Amino acid sequence: MKKILLSAAAIMAFGFASQAQDIKFGAKAGVNFSTLSGADGDVSSRTGFHIGAVAEVKLTEQFSIQPEILYSMQGADQEATEEFMGVTYNYESSLKLGYINVPVMAKYYLMEGLSIEAGPQVGFLLSAKEEYNVEGESGEEDVKDSVSSIDFGLAGGVSYDLPVGLFFNARYYAGLSNVYDGDLDGIEYQNGVFSLSVGYKF
């Protein structure tokens, strides 16, 4: 599956490059506010960061394609109450997910510098850990075997580019695939990430 996705991305990149008027490369970094949809209990967002490389392939004056490769910290914090053998326990956990994300954004410039963007994103899981606290007893567990190795979804946002190469970006990613491997009583969990970035293209 990974080879198919990477091959498709490479073919797209070569196709866009052959039509391109201009190609710019750069880097970006910023903050993530991530959560999981479909999770039980009181779920709150987890703050992390992302960092990586971008390439903007200009096809026309108003339209371009921007593939990226980013390391991204995601997950969610959760509080829940569980009952076991008639005893109620308060449970707190923090799911920490690390991905290599590859978004391919189609960008349309509304005016000079200001663009809107949308496109697919595939994520490759690097790490998955859960920190927990149950009635004062805390610990950490590696849960990578329980988390899907591939994440897929759609992203959209807005960017503003300054003439000097500096740019600012706000984006929301909505995952479409189940974060967890296997069936959890028919419940599916999807990644949701709001990110703010600053970067430079040259």
Protein backbone atom coordinates (compact mmCIF):
# COMPACT_ATOMS: atom_id res chain seq x y z
CA MET A 1 0.00 0.00 0.00
CA LYS A 2 2.80 2.40 0.90
CA LYS A 3 4.62 1.66 -2.38
CA ILE A 4 1.44 2.32 -4.39
CA LEU A 5 0.83 5.65 -2.66
CA LEU A 6 4.43 6.79 -3.03
CA SER A 7 4.51 5.75 -6.69
CA ALA A 8 1.29 7.66 -7.38
CA ALA A 9 2.70 10.72 -5.63
CA ALA A 10 5.91 10.52 -7.68
CA ILE A 11 3.98 10.25 -10.97
CA MET A 12 1.84 13.26 -10.01
CA ALA A 13 4.91 15.27 -9.05
CA PHE A 14 6.67 14.60 -12.38
CA GLY A 15 3.47 15.44 -14.28
CA PHE A 16 3.04 18.75 -12.48
CA ALA A 17 6.71 19.62 -12.85
CA SER A 18 6.58 19.14 -16.62
CA GLN A 19 3.79 21.75 -16.86
CA ALA A 20 5.15 24.12 -14.28
CA GLN A 21 6.05 27.73 -14.99
CA ASP A 22 7.90 28.07 -11.71
CA ILE A 23 8.90 25.85 -8.77
CA LYS A 24 9.73 27.14 -5.30
CA PHE A 25 11.13 25.10 -2.41
CA GLY A 26 10.98 25.91 1.25
CA ALA A 27 10.41 24.86 4.83
CA LYS A 28 7.65 25.38 7.38
CA ALA A 29 7.00 24.78 11.07
CA GLY A 30 4.23 25.50 13.51
CA VAL A 31 1.82 24.37 16.18
CA ASN A 32 -0.87 21.66 16.07
CA PHE A 33 -4.10 21.48 18.05
CA SER A 34 -5.21 17.88 17.56
CA THR A 35 -8.05 15.69 18.77
CA LEU A 36 -9.89 12.44 17.97
CA SER A 37 -13.48 12.37 16.79
CA GLY A 38 -15.67 9.49 17.98
CA ALA A 39 -13.80 9.10 21.29
CA ASP A 40 -15.77 8.47 24.49
CA GLY A 41 -15.61 10.63 27.60
CA ASP A 42 -14.37 14.19 27.91
CA VAL A 43 -11.88 14.64 25.06
CA SER A 44 -9.70 17.73 24.80
CA SER A 45 -7.17 18.77 22.20
CA ARG A 46 -3.50 18.04 22.50
CA THR A 47 -0.93 20.68 21.57
CA GLY A 48 2.03 19.57 19.47
CA PHE A 49 4.16 20.81 16.60
CA HIS A 50 4.95 20.08 12.96
CA ILE A 51 8.02 20.75 10.83
CA GLY A 52 9.06 19.88 7.31
CA ALA A 53 9.62 20.81 3.68
CA VAL A 54 7.34 22.23 0.98
CA ALA A 55 7.53 22.68 -2.79
CA GLU A 56 5.13 24.94 -4.69
CA VAL A 57 4.67 24.08 -8.36
CA LYS A 58 3.12 27.07 -10.16
CA LEU A 59 0.94 25.95 -13.08
CA THR A 60 -0.68 29.32 -13.87
CA GLU A 61 -0.67 32.76 -12.28
CA GLN A 62 -3.56 31.78 -10.02
CA PHE A 63 -3.23 28.01 -9.62
CA SER A 64 -0.47 25.87 -8.13
CA ILE A 65 0.16 22.49 -6.50
CA GLN A 66 2.01 22.30 -3.19
CA PRO A 67 3.25 18.88 -1.99
CA GLU A 68 4.74 18.77 1.49
CA ILE A 69 6.45 16.29 3.79
CA LEU A 70 6.03 16.99 7.49
CA TYR A 71 6.76 15.44 10.85
CA SER A 72 3.61 15.99 12.92
CA MET A 73 2.79 15.43 16.62
CA GLN A 74 -0.90 14.56 17.05
CA GLY A 75 -3.28 12.74 19.40
CA ALA A 76 -5.68 13.80 22.15
CA ASP A 77 -6.16 14.09 25.91
CA GLN A 78 -9.09 12.30 27.52
CA GLU A 79 -10.87 12.05 30.85
CA ALA A 80 -13.40 9.28 31.49
CA THR A 81 -15.14 7.41 34.28
CA GLU A 82 -15.10 3.64 34.14
CA GLU A 83 -16.75 1.01 36.34
CA PHE A 84 -15.11 -2.30 37.22
CA MET A 85 -16.69 -4.84 39.59
CA GLY A 86 -18.96 -2.21 41.06
CA VAL A 87 -16.16 0.29 41.69
CA THR A 88 -15.99 3.57 39.75
CA TYR A 89 -12.59 4.79 38.60
CA ASN A 90 -11.52 8.16 37.20
CA TYR A 91 -9.31 7.69 34.16
CA GLU A 92 -7.08 10.25 32.45
CA SER A 93 -4.99 9.55 29.37
CA SER A 94 -2.93 11.31 26.75
CA LEU A 95 -2.52 9.60 23.38
CA LYS A 96 0.65 10.81 21.67
CA LEU A 97 0.91 10.05 17.95
CA GLY A 98 3.84 10.87 15.67
CA TYR A 99 3.34 10.88 11.89
CA ILE A 100 5.18 11.63 8.69
CA ASN A 101 2.43 13.42 6.77
CA VAL A 102 2.40 13.98 2.99
CA PRO A 103 -0.30 16.51 2.00
CA VAL A 104 -0.72 17.52 -1.66
CA MET A 105 -2.55 20.84 -1.72
CA ALA A 106 -4.18 22.51 -4.70
CA LYS A 107 -3.85 26.27 -4.22
CA TYR A 108 -5.90 29.04 -5.81
CA TYR A 109 -4.76 32.67 -5.44
CA LEU A 110 -7.66 35.01 -4.74
CA MET A 111 -5.32 37.99 -4.98
CA GLU A 112 -1.59 38.60 -4.83
CA GLY A 113 -0.24 36.70 -1.82
CA LEU A 114 -3.59 35.37 -0.56
CA SER A 115 -4.59 31.81 -1.47
CA ILE A 116 -7.03 29.11 -0.44
CA GLU A 117 -6.00 25.46 -0.53
CA ALA A 118 -7.45 21.96 -0.35
CA GLY A 119 -6.26 18.45 -1.02
CA PRO A 120 -5.64 14.90 0.23
CA GLN A 121 -3.15 13.89 2.90
CA VAL A 122 -1.62 10.54 3.76
CA GLY A 123 0.15 9.94 7.07
CA PHE A 124 2.66 7.23 8.00
CA LEU A 125 2.72 6.36 11.71
CA LEU A 126 6.12 6.61 13.41
CA SER A 127 5.17 6.31 17.09
CA ALA A 128 2.15 5.86 19.36
CA LYS A 129 2.29 6.12 23.14
CA GLU A 130 -0.38 6.49 25.79
CA GLU A 131 0.26 8.17 29.14
CA TYR A 132 -2.39 7.33 31.73
CA ASN A 133 -3.39 8.10 35.29
CA VAL A 134 -5.91 5.93 37.16
CA GLU A 135 -6.68 7.03 40.73
CA GLY A 136 -3.18 8.40 41.23
CA GLU A 137 -1.38 5.48 39.54
CA SER A 138 0.35 6.69 36.38
CA GLY A 139 2.35 5.09 33.60
CA GLU A 140 3.15 5.01 29.89
CA GLU A 141 2.47 2.30 27.31
CA ASP A 142 3.58 1.80 23.72
CA VAL A 143 0.37 1.28 21.72
CA LYS A 144 1.79 1.37 18.19
CA ASP A 145 0.54 -2.17 17.48
CA SER A 146 -3.03 -0.99 18.15
CA VAL A 147 -2.86 2.05 15.85
CA SER A 148 -3.23 1.97 12.06
CA SER A 149 0.07 2.45 10.26
CA ILE A 150 -1.58 4.59 7.53
CA ASP A 151 -3.83 7.61 8.06
CA PHE A 152 -5.74 9.26 5.22
CA GLY A 153 -7.95 12.33 5.03
CA LEU A 154 -8.60 15.75 3.53
CA ALA A 155 -7.16 19.13 4.41
CA GLY A 156 -8.09 22.72 3.64
CA GLY A 157 -6.89 26.14 4.63
CA VAL A 158 -5.67 29.60 3.75
CA SER A 159 -2.18 31.02 3.19
CA TYR A 160 -0.62 34.42 2.80
CA ASP A 161 2.74 34.86 1.06
CA LEU A 162 4.89 37.96 1.47
CA PRO A 163 7.07 39.13 -1.45
CA VAL A 164 10.23 38.37 0.57
CA GLY A 165 9.39 34.62 0.65
CA LEU A 166 7.93 34.45 4.15
CA PHE A 167 4.48 32.86 4.35
CA PHE A 168 1.78 32.13 6.95
CA ASN A 169 -0.68 29.27 6.84
CA ALA A 170 -3.78 28.08 8.74
CA ARG A 171 -5.12 24.60 7.93
CA TYR A 172 -7.57 22.00 9.19
CA TYR A 173 -7.12 18.28 8.55
CA ALA A 174 -10.07 15.87 8.85
CA GLY A 175 -9.08 12.21 8.94
CA LEU A 176 -11.27 9.73 7.08
CA SER A 177 -9.64 6.45 8.16
CA ASN A 178 -9.89 4.72 11.53
CA VAL A 179 -6.97 5.60 13.79
CA TYR A 180 -7.16 2.29 15.66
CA ASP A 181 -6.44 -1.10 14.13
CA GLY A 182 -9.25 -3.57 14.68
CA ASP A 183 -12.85 -3.32 15.86
CA LEU A 184 -13.57 -1.39 19.05
CA ASP A 185 -17.28 -2.24 19.41
CA GLY A 186 -17.94 -0.67 16.02
CA ILE A 187 -16.55 2.72 17.08
CA GLU A 188 -14.19 4.52 14.72
CA TYR A 189 -11.77 7.25 15.73
CA GLN A 190 -10.50 9.85 13.24
CA ASN A 191 -7.73 12.40 13.54
CA GLY A 192 -8.67 16.05 13.51
CA VAL A 193 -5.89 18.66 13.45
CA PHE A 194 -5.95 22.46 13.29
CA SER A 195 -2.50 23.84 12.52
CA LEU A 196 -0.86 27.25 12.31
CA SER A 197 2.41 27.53 10.38
CA VAL A 198 5.09 29.96 9.35
CA GLY A 199 7.57 29.22 6.60
CA TYR A 200 9.90 30.47 3.92
CA LYS A 201 10.04 29.72 0.18
CA PHE A 202 12.91 30.61 -2.14
